Amino acid sequence: PAAAGAARTPPAPAPPARARLAIVLDDWGYQRRPVERLRDLRFPLTTSILPGLPYSRAAADESHALGDCVILHSPMQSVKAVRRERTTLVVGMAPSAARAMLEAEWNSVPWLVGLNNHEGSRASADPALMAVVAGFLKGKGAFFLDSVTTPRSAIPAAARAAGILWARRRVFLDDSQDPAAVRRQLLRAAALALRDGSCIAIGHPHPSTLDVLQAEAPALEARGIRLVTVDQLVHR
C-alpha cells in the first residue's frame, strides 16, 4: 500500500459543479490487491469495510491516509441462503447482543464515521433491529447509509426516529462485472446527479470496477459533477 499520509492530489480546476456524486465501494478487507490500487482512484472516495477480515485495518488506514471517508460495512441477515459473516446481525437477536456485536465490529476498524448494511435484505426490513443500529450510531455520532437491498427498508424511519444523519443508495455500479455494464451504471449515476443535484452509487473493489472508475470517474468533473465523499450527502 501507499505510504501513510500520501493524500490525494487536489483535482485540477473544473467548471462550477451543478451536481454531486458519491461513489461508495463496499466489501474491503478480503484481499490486499484492491488496497494497493486505492491510490489509482484519483477522486474522493468512500470505502465501506467489513470487520475482522485480514485486510480490514489496512484498507481503513490507507483510505484514511488518502483523505477518503471510511465507514463500516456491517453484515446483516439476507432473505437469501448466503454465507454469513461471523458478526452478522440477525432478526430476533436480543438488543443487547446486537449492540455488543456492533461495538465489536466498530472497534475492529479504525477511522469510522458511518455504517452501511452488507446484504441485509431481511435484517434491514426489521424495524426493531434497525432501531438498535440507529441508536448505536447515535451514540457514536455517526451516520447510516442505506444500501437499499430491500424495497421494504426500515432504515430511513429508524434513522429519523433516532435523529441521526442518513442517506440511501440510488445506483449499484457492478451487479454485472462486465466493464461496459459498469460504465453504463456510472453514467446512469452521473445522469441522476445532474437531474436531481446529487446521487450515491455503490460498487465493489472488483478489478473491472476499479478499472472503469480509474479511467472514467475523474472526467465527470468536466460535466459539472463534483465527486464527493458520502458524508457530504447525508441528511436528517
C-alpha atoms as a PDB file:
ATOM      1  CA  PRO A   1       0.000   0.000   0.000  1.00  0.00           C
ATOM      2  CA  ALA A   2       0.965   3.629  -0.345  1.00  0.00           C
ATOM      3  CA  ALA A   3       2.805   5.338   2.452  1.00  0.00           C
ATOM      4  CA  ALA A   4       0.606   6.759   5.167  1.00  0.00           C
ATOM      5  CA  GLY A   5      -0.173  10.420   4.700  1.00  0.00           C
ATOM      6  CA  ALA A   6       0.038  10.322   0.889  1.00  0.00           C
ATOM      7  CA  ALA A   7      -3.189  12.256   0.491  1.00  0.00           C
ATOM      8  CA  ARG A   8      -4.862  12.550  -2.889  1.00  0.00           C
ATOM      9  CA  THR A   9      -3.713  15.352  -5.187  1.00  0.00           C
ATOM     10  CA  PRO A  10      -6.401  18.050  -5.406  1.00  0.00           C
ATOM     11  CA  PRO A  11      -8.241  17.885  -8.740  1.00  0.00           C
ATOM     12  CA  ALA A  12      -7.498  20.403 -11.462  1.00  0.00           C
ATOM     13  CA  PRO A  13      -9.883  23.361 -11.695  1.00  0.00           C
ATOM     14  CA  ALA A  14     -13.178  22.384 -13.313  1.00  0.00           C
ATOM     15  CA  PRO A  15     -16.383  24.162 -14.289  1.00  0.00           C
ATOM     16  CA  PRO A  16     -18.689  25.020 -11.374  1.00  0.00           C
ATOM     17  CA  ALA A  17     -20.360  21.829 -10.184  1.00  0.00           C
ATOM     18  CA  ARG A  18     -24.069  21.503 -10.884  1.00  0.00           C
ATOM     19  CA  ALA A  19     -24.294  18.160  -9.095  1.00  0.00           C
ATOM     20  CA  ARG A  20     -22.581  15.962  -6.537  1.00  0.00           C
ATOM     21  CA  LEU A  21     -21.871  12.239  -6.883  1.00  0.00           C
ATOM     22  CA  ALA A  22     -20.612   9.993  -4.088  1.00  0.00           C
ATOM     23  CA  ILE A  23     -19.061   6.662  -5.012  1.00  0.00           C
ATOM     24  CA  VAL A  24     -19.023   4.080  -2.228  1.00  0.00           C
ATOM     25  CA  LEU A  25     -17.071   0.858  -2.604  1.00  0.00           C
ATOM     26  CA  ASP A  26     -18.143  -1.984  -0.311  1.00  0.00           C
ATOM     27  CA  ASP A  27     -16.535  -5.238   0.820  1.00  0.00           C
ATOM     28  CA  TRP A  28     -12.993  -4.133   1.648  1.00  0.00           C
ATOM     29  CA  GLY A  29     -10.942  -6.496   3.796  1.00  0.00           C
ATOM     30  CA  TYR A  30     -10.779  -9.771   1.913  1.00  0.00           C
ATOM     31  CA  GLN A  31      -7.754  -9.070  -0.306  1.00  0.00           C
ATOM     32  CA  ARG A  32      -4.596  -6.953  -0.361  1.00  0.00           C
ATOM     33  CA  ARG A  33      -4.557  -6.108  -4.078  1.00  0.00           C
ATOM     34  CA  PRO A  34      -7.548  -3.718  -4.032  1.00  0.00           C
ATOM     35  CA  VAL A  35      -5.913  -1.829  -1.144  1.00  0.00           C
ATOM     36  CA  GLU A  36      -2.794  -1.411  -3.271  1.00  0.00           C
ATOM     37  CA  ARG A  37      -4.943   0.139  -6.006  1.00  0.00           C
ATOM     38  CA  LEU A  38      -6.575   2.786  -3.824  1.00  0.00           C
ATOM     39  CA  ARG A  39      -4.054   5.436  -4.910  1.00  0.00           C
ATOM     40  CA  ASP A  40      -5.086   4.866  -8.541  1.00  0.00           C
ATOM     41  CA  LEU A  41      -8.563   6.260  -7.817  1.00  0.00           C
ATOM     42  CA  ARG A  42      -7.788   9.935  -8.054  1.00  0.00           C
ATOM     43  CA  PHE A  43     -11.053  11.309  -6.717  1.00  0.00           C
ATOM     44  CA  PRO A  44     -12.839  11.481  -3.341  1.00  0.00           C
ATOM     45  CA  LEU A  45     -13.993   8.005  -2.391  1.00  0.00           C
ATOM     46  CA  THR A  46     -15.883   6.257   0.395  1.00  0.00           C
ATOM     47  CA  THR A  47     -14.651   2.831   1.467  1.00  0.00           C
ATOM     48  CA  SER A  48     -17.062   0.560   3.339  1.00  0.00           C
ATOM     49  CA  ILE A  49     -15.037  -2.012   5.215  1.00  0.00           C
ATOM     50  CA  LEU A  50     -16.097  -5.406   6.512  1.00  0.00           C
ATOM     51  CA  PRO A  51     -14.982  -6.042  10.104  1.00  0.00           C
ATOM     52  CA  GLY A  52     -12.463  -8.617  11.214  1.00  0.00           C
ATOM     53  CA  LEU A  53     -11.013  -9.613   7.839  1.00  0.00           C
ATOM     54  CA  PRO A  54      -7.292  -9.958   7.035  1.00  0.00           C
ATOM     55  CA  TYR A  55      -7.023  -6.565   5.294  1.00  0.00           C
ATOM     56  CA  SER A  56      -9.768  -4.588   7.035  1.00  0.00           C
ATOM     57  CA  ARG A  57      -7.388  -2.382   9.009  1.00  0.00           C
ATOM     58  CA  ALA A  58      -5.003  -1.930   6.096  1.00  0.00           C
ATOM     59  CA  ALA A  59      -7.860  -0.768   3.879  1.00  0.00           C
ATOM     60  CA  ALA A  60      -9.110   1.668   6.514  1.00  0.00           C
ATOM     61  CA  ASP A  61      -5.648   3.081   7.211  1.00  0.00           C
ATOM     62  CA  GLU A  62      -4.813   3.535   3.531  1.00  0.00           C
ATOM     63  CA  SER A  63      -8.186   5.080   2.718  1.00  0.00           C
ATOM     64  CA  HIS A  64      -7.960   7.498   5.637  1.00  0.00           C
ATOM     65  CA  ALA A  65      -4.388   8.457   4.688  1.00  0.00           C
ATOM     66  CA  LEU A  66      -5.673   9.390   1.227  1.00  0.00           C
ATOM     67  CA  GLY A  67      -8.340  11.635   2.743  1.00  0.00           C
ATOM     68  CA  ASP A  68     -11.253   9.366   1.957  1.00  0.00           C
ATOM     69  CA  CYS A  69     -14.337   8.591   4.048  1.00  0.00           C
ATOM     70  CA  VAL A  70     -14.266   5.267   5.935  1.00  0.00           C
ATOM     71  CA  ILE A  71     -17.466   3.526   7.010  1.00  0.00           C
ATOM     72  CA  LEU A  72     -18.344   0.129   8.457  1.00  0.00           C
ATOM     73  CA  HIS A  73     -19.908  -2.459   6.154  1.00  0.00           C
ATOM     74  CA  SER A  74     -21.965  -4.174   8.828  1.00  0.00           C
ATOM     75  CA  PRO A  75     -23.071  -7.723   7.901  1.00  0.00           C
ATOM     76  CA  MET A  76     -26.837  -8.205   8.165  1.00  0.00           C
ATOM     77  CA  GLN A  77     -29.154 -11.145   7.543  1.00  0.00           C
ATOM     78  CA  SER A  78     -30.317 -11.724   3.973  1.00  0.00           C
ATOM     79  CA  VAL A  79     -33.527 -13.325   2.768  1.00  0.00           C
ATOM     80  CA  LYS A  80     -31.253 -15.498   0.612  1.00  0.00           C
ATOM     81  CA  ALA A  81     -29.328 -18.524   1.793  1.00  0.00           C
ATOM     82  CA  VAL A  82     -25.949 -16.791   1.537  1.00  0.00           C
ATOM     83  CA  ARG A  83     -22.872 -17.403   3.660  1.00  0.00           C
ATOM     84  CA  ARG A  84     -22.993 -15.261   6.771  1.00  0.00           C
ATOM     85  CA  GLU A  85     -20.080 -13.332   8.163  1.00  0.00           C
ATOM     86  CA  ARG A  86     -19.101 -14.138  11.729  1.00  0.00           C
ATOM     87  CA  THR A  87     -20.774 -10.978  13.051  1.00  0.00           C
ATOM     88  CA  THR A  88     -23.985 -10.960  11.007  1.00  0.00           C
ATOM     89  CA  LEU A  89     -26.903  -9.167  12.668  1.00  0.00           C
ATOM     90  CA  VAL A  90     -29.991 -11.381  12.537  1.00  0.00           C
ATOM     91  CA  VAL A  91     -33.679 -10.726  13.119  1.00  0.00           C
ATOM     92  CA  GLY A  92     -34.814 -11.678  16.608  1.00  0.00           C
ATOM     93  CA  MET A  93     -31.477 -11.309  18.369  1.00  0.00           C
ATOM     94  CA  ALA A  94     -31.587  -9.555  21.723  1.00  0.00           C
ATOM     95  CA  PRO A  95     -30.893  -5.805  21.530  1.00  0.00           C
ATOM     96  CA  SER A  96     -28.026  -6.200  23.993  1.00  0.00           C
ATOM     97  CA  ALA A  97     -26.444  -8.866  21.773  1.00  0.00           C
ATOM     98  CA  ALA A  98     -26.858  -6.700  18.672  1.00  0.00           C
ATOM     99  CA  ARG A  99     -25.268  -3.709  20.411  1.00  0.00           C
ATOM    100  CA  ALA A 100     -22.355  -5.832  21.647  1.00  0.00           C
ATOM    101  CA  MET A 101     -21.795  -7.190  18.139  1.00  0.00           C
ATOM    102  CA  LEU A 102     -21.896  -3.699  16.654  1.00  0.00           C
ATOM    103  CA  GLU A 103     -19.440  -2.455  19.263  1.00  0.00           C
ATOM    104  CA  ALA A 104     -17.008  -5.263  18.440  1.00  0.00           C
ATOM    105  CA  GLU A 105     -17.327  -4.514  14.716  1.00  0.00           C
ATOM    106  CA  TRP A 106     -16.832  -0.799  15.280  1.00  0.00           C
ATOM    107  CA  ASN A 107     -13.741  -1.324  17.405  1.00  0.00           C
ATOM    108  CA  SER A 108     -12.154  -3.593  14.789  1.00  0.00           C
ATOM    109  CA  VAL A 109     -11.966  -0.912  12.064  1.00  0.00           C
ATOM    110  CA  PRO A 110     -10.279   2.480  12.594  1.00  0.00           C
ATOM    111  CA  TRP A 111     -11.397   5.893  11.296  1.00  0.00           C
ATOM    112  CA  LEU A 112     -15.121   5.106  11.063  1.00  0.00           C
ATOM    113  CA  VAL A 113     -17.680   7.889  10.630  1.00  0.00           C
ATOM    114  CA  GLY A 114     -20.708   5.884   9.462  1.00  0.00           C
ATOM    115  CA  LEU A 115     -22.169   2.484   8.603  1.00  0.00           C
ATOM    116  CA  ASN A 116     -23.996   0.766   5.781  1.00  0.00           C
ATOM    117  CA  ASN A 117     -25.501  -2.695   5.542  1.00  0.00           C
ATOM    118  CA  HIS A 118     -23.798  -5.664   3.929  1.00  0.00           C
ATOM    119  CA  GLU A 119     -26.535  -7.877   2.463  1.00  0.00           C
ATOM    120  CA  GLY A 120     -29.377  -7.327   4.955  1.00  0.00           C
ATOM    121  CA  SER A 121     -32.463  -7.784   2.795  1.00  0.00           C
ATOM    122  CA  ARG A 122     -34.159  -9.391   5.808  1.00  0.00           C
ATOM    123  CA  ALA A 123     -32.465  -7.567   8.679  1.00  0.00           C
ATOM    124  CA  SER A 124     -32.776  -4.073   7.212  1.00  0.00           C
ATOM    125  CA  ALA A 125     -36.537  -4.568   6.819  1.00  0.00           C
ATOM    126  CA  ASP A 126     -36.900  -5.262  10.552  1.00  0.00           C
ATOM    127  CA  PRO A 127     -37.859  -2.069  12.440  1.00  0.00           C
ATOM    128  CA  ALA A 128     -36.756  -3.341  15.852  1.00  0.00           C
ATOM    129  CA  LEU A 129     -33.282  -4.354  14.728  1.00  0.00           C
ATOM    130  CA  MET A 130     -32.741  -1.190  12.681  1.00  0.00           C
ATOM    131  CA  ALA A 131     -33.797   0.893  15.682  1.00  0.00           C
ATOM    132  CA  VAL A 132     -30.979  -0.768  17.644  1.00  0.00           C
ATOM    133  CA  VAL A 133     -28.473   0.026  14.884  1.00  0.00           C
ATOM    134  CA  ALA A 134     -29.660   3.627  14.615  1.00  0.00           C
ATOM    135  CA  GLY A 135     -29.437   4.050  18.395  1.00  0.00           C
ATOM    136  CA  PHE A 136     -25.915   2.650  18.353  1.00  0.00           C
ATOM    137  CA  LEU A 137     -24.894   5.088  15.613  1.00  0.00           C
ATOM    138  CA  LYS A 138     -26.399   7.991  17.537  1.00  0.00           C
ATOM    139  CA  GLY A 139     -24.077   7.139  20.418  1.00  0.00           C
ATOM    140  CA  LYS A 140     -21.121   7.202  18.028  1.00  0.00           C
ATOM    141  CA  GLY A 141     -22.133  10.465  16.345  1.00  0.00           C
ATOM    142  CA  ALA A 142     -22.165   8.511  13.072  1.00  0.00           C
ATOM    143  CA  PHE A 143     -24.471   8.289  10.061  1.00  0.00           C
ATOM    144  CA  PHE A 144     -26.458   5.447   8.489  1.00  0.00           C
ATOM    145  CA  LEU A 145     -26.193   4.737   4.754  1.00  0.00           C
ATOM    146  CA  ASP A 146     -28.988   2.519   3.474  1.00  0.00           C
ATOM    147  CA  SER A 147     -27.620   0.150   0.825  1.00  0.00           C
ATOM    148  CA  VAL A 148     -31.271  -0.466  -0.193  1.00  0.00           C
ATOM    149  CA  THR A 149     -31.067  -4.236  -0.532  1.00  0.00           C
ATOM    150  CA  THR A 150     -34.840  -4.403   0.015  1.00  0.00           C
ATOM    151  CA  PRO A 151     -37.679  -2.076  -1.047  1.00  0.00           C
ATOM    152  CA  ARG A 152     -39.085  -2.517   2.466  1.00  0.00           C
ATOM    153  CA  SER A 153     -36.095  -0.998   4.248  1.00  0.00           C
ATOM    154  CA  ALA A 154     -36.732   0.175   7.803  1.00  0.00           C
ATOM    155  CA  ILE A 155     -33.513   2.204   7.846  1.00  0.00           C
ATOM    156  CA  PRO A 156     -34.934   5.641   6.910  1.00  0.00           C
ATOM    157  CA  ALA A 157     -37.642   5.500   9.587  1.00  0.00           C
ATOM    158  CA  ALA A 158     -35.175   4.241  12.207  1.00  0.00           C
ATOM    159  CA  ALA A 159     -32.652   6.957  11.365  1.00  0.00           C
ATOM    160  CA  ARG A 160     -35.278   9.699  11.512  1.00  0.00           C
ATOM    161  CA  ALA A 161     -36.610   8.395  14.825  1.00  0.00           C
ATOM    162  CA  ALA A 162     -33.104   8.370  16.288  1.00  0.00           C
ATOM    163  CA  GLY A 163     -32.352  11.831  14.932  1.00  0.00           C
ATOM    164  CA  ILE A 164     -29.212  10.753  13.077  1.00  0.00           C
ATOM    165  CA  LEU A 165     -27.882  11.665   9.670  1.00  0.00           C
ATOM    166  CA  TRP A 166     -28.648   9.172   6.908  1.00  0.00           C
ATOM    167  CA  ALA A 167     -28.784   8.690   3.143  1.00  0.00           C
ATOM    168  CA  ARG A 168     -29.662   5.979   0.669  1.00  0.00           C
ATOM    169  CA  ARG A 169     -28.007   4.339  -2.299  1.00  0.00           C
ATOM    170  CA  ARG A 170     -29.560   5.027  -5.703  1.00  0.00           C
ATOM    171  CA  VAL A 171     -27.360   3.063  -8.155  1.00  0.00           C
ATOM    172  CA  PHE A 172     -25.457  -0.218  -7.968  1.00  0.00           C
ATOM    173  CA  LEU A 173     -22.443   0.005 -10.250  1.00  0.00           C
ATOM    174  CA  ASP A 174     -21.463  -3.611 -10.688  1.00  0.00           C
ATOM    175  CA  ASP A 175     -24.270  -6.133 -10.407  1.00  0.00           C
ATOM    176  CA  SER A 176     -22.558  -7.177 -13.631  1.00  0.00           C
ATOM    177  CA  GLN A 177     -18.773  -7.040 -13.585  1.00  0.00           C
ATOM    178  CA  ASP A 178     -18.589  -6.514 -17.337  1.00  0.00           C
ATOM    179  CA  PRO A 179     -16.694  -3.217 -17.815  1.00  0.00           C
ATOM    180  CA  ALA A 180     -19.229  -1.911 -20.328  1.00  0.00           C
ATOM    181  CA  ALA A 181     -22.039  -2.573 -17.853  1.00  0.00           C
ATOM    182  CA  VAL A 182     -20.127  -0.853 -15.042  1.00  0.00           C
ATOM    183  CA  ARG A 183     -19.551   2.159 -17.265  1.00  0.00           C
ATOM    184  CA  ARG A 184     -23.255   2.332 -18.141  1.00  0.00           C
ATOM    185  CA  GLN A 185     -24.166   2.316 -14.459  1.00  0.00           C
ATOM    186  CA  LEU A 186     -21.612   5.026 -13.692  1.00  0.00           C
ATOM    187  CA  LEU A 187     -23.110   7.189 -16.447  1.00  0.00           C
ATOM    188  CA  ARG A 188     -26.589   6.459 -15.078  1.00  0.00           C
ATOM    189  CA  ALA A 189     -25.470   7.681 -11.649  1.00  0.00           C
ATOM    190  CA  ALA A 190     -23.996  10.789 -13.261  1.00  0.00           C
ATOM    191  CA  ALA A 191     -27.242  11.487 -15.107  1.00  0.00           C
ATOM    192  CA  LEU A 192     -29.254  11.164 -11.889  1.00  0.00           C
ATOM    193  CA  ALA A 193     -26.862  13.516 -10.124  1.00  0.00           C
ATOM    194  CA  LEU A 194     -27.249  16.099 -12.889  1.00  0.00           C
ATOM    195  CA  ARG A 195     -31.029  15.727 -12.881  1.00  0.00           C
ATOM    196  CA  ASP A 196     -31.569  15.776  -9.119  1.00  0.00           C
ATOM    197  CA  GLY A 197     -28.488  17.543  -7.771  1.00  0.00           C
ATOM    198  CA  SER A 198     -26.909  14.522  -6.102  1.00  0.00           C
ATOM    199  CA  CYS A 199     -26.606  10.749  -6.260  1.00  0.00           C
ATOM    200  CA  ILE A 200     -24.980   7.939  -4.270  1.00  0.00           C
ATOM    201  CA  ALA A 201     -23.661   4.928  -6.154  1.00  0.00           C
ATOM    202  CA  ILE A 202     -22.346   1.723  -4.571  1.00  0.00           C
ATOM    203  CA  GLY A 203     -19.881  -0.691  -6.135  1.00  0.00           C
ATOM    204  CA  HIS A 204     -17.194  -3.130  -5.047  1.00  0.00           C
ATOM    205  CA  PRO A 205     -13.415  -3.337  -5.455  1.00  0.00           C
ATOM    206  CA  HIS A 206     -13.616  -5.784  -8.351  1.00  0.00           C
ATOM    207  CA  PRO A 207     -10.801  -5.324 -10.890  1.00  0.00           C
ATOM    208  CA  SER A 208     -13.258  -4.300 -13.611  1.00  0.00           C
ATOM    209  CA  THR A 209     -14.968  -1.749 -11.356  1.00  0.00           C
ATOM    210  CA  LEU A 210     -11.661  -0.240 -10.277  1.00  0.00           C
ATOM    211  CA  ASP A 211     -10.506  -0.087 -13.917  1.00  0.00           C
ATOM    212  CA  VAL A 212     -13.652   1.755 -15.027  1.00  0.00           C
ATOM    213  CA  LEU A 213     -13.572   4.178 -12.111  1.00  0.00           C
ATOM    214  CA  GLN A 214      -9.895   4.918 -12.617  1.00  0.00           C
ATOM    215  CA  ALA A 215     -10.494   5.705 -16.285  1.00  0.00           C
ATOM    216  CA  GLU A 216     -13.901   7.378 -16.222  1.00  0.00           C
ATOM    217  CA  ALA A 217     -14.731   8.978 -12.881  1.00  0.00           C
ATOM    218  CA  PRO A 218     -12.341  11.958 -12.937  1.00  0.00           C
ATOM    219  CA  ALA A 219     -13.728  13.054 -16.337  1.00  0.00           C
ATOM    220  CA  LEU A 220     -17.150  13.600 -14.752  1.00  0.00           C
ATOM    221  CA  GLU A 221     -15.844  16.852 -13.239  1.00  0.00           C
ATOM    222  CA  ALA A 222     -15.778  18.385 -16.739  1.00  0.00           C
ATOM    223  CA  ARG A 223     -19.524  17.711 -16.989  1.00  0.00           C
ATOM    224  CA  GLY A 224     -20.219  19.734 -13.867  1.00  0.00           C
ATOM    225  CA  ILE A 225     -20.368  16.777 -11.477  1.00  0.00           C
ATOM    226  CA  ARG A 226     -18.354  17.132  -8.279  1.00  0.00           C
ATOM    227  CA  LEU A 227     -17.205  13.821  -6.837  1.00  0.00           C
ATOM    228  CA  VAL A 228     -17.601  13.848  -3.065  1.00  0.00           C
ATOM    229  CA  THR A 229     -17.415  11.514  -0.100  1.00  0.00           C
ATOM    230  CA  VAL A 230     -20.740  10.180   1.092  1.00  0.00           C
ATOM    231  CA  ASP A 231     -20.678  12.083   4.378  1.00  0.00           C
ATOM    232  CA  GLN A 232     -21.334  15.220   2.307  1.00  0.00           C
ATOM    233  CA  LEU A 233     -24.692  13.839   1.116  1.00  0.00           C
ATOM    234  CA  VAL A 234     -26.210  12.659   4.417  1.00  0.00           C
ATOM    235  CA  HIS A 235     -29.200  14.474   5.877  1.00  0.00           C
ATOM    236  CA  ARG A 236     -31.723  14.263   8.711  1.00  0.00           C
END
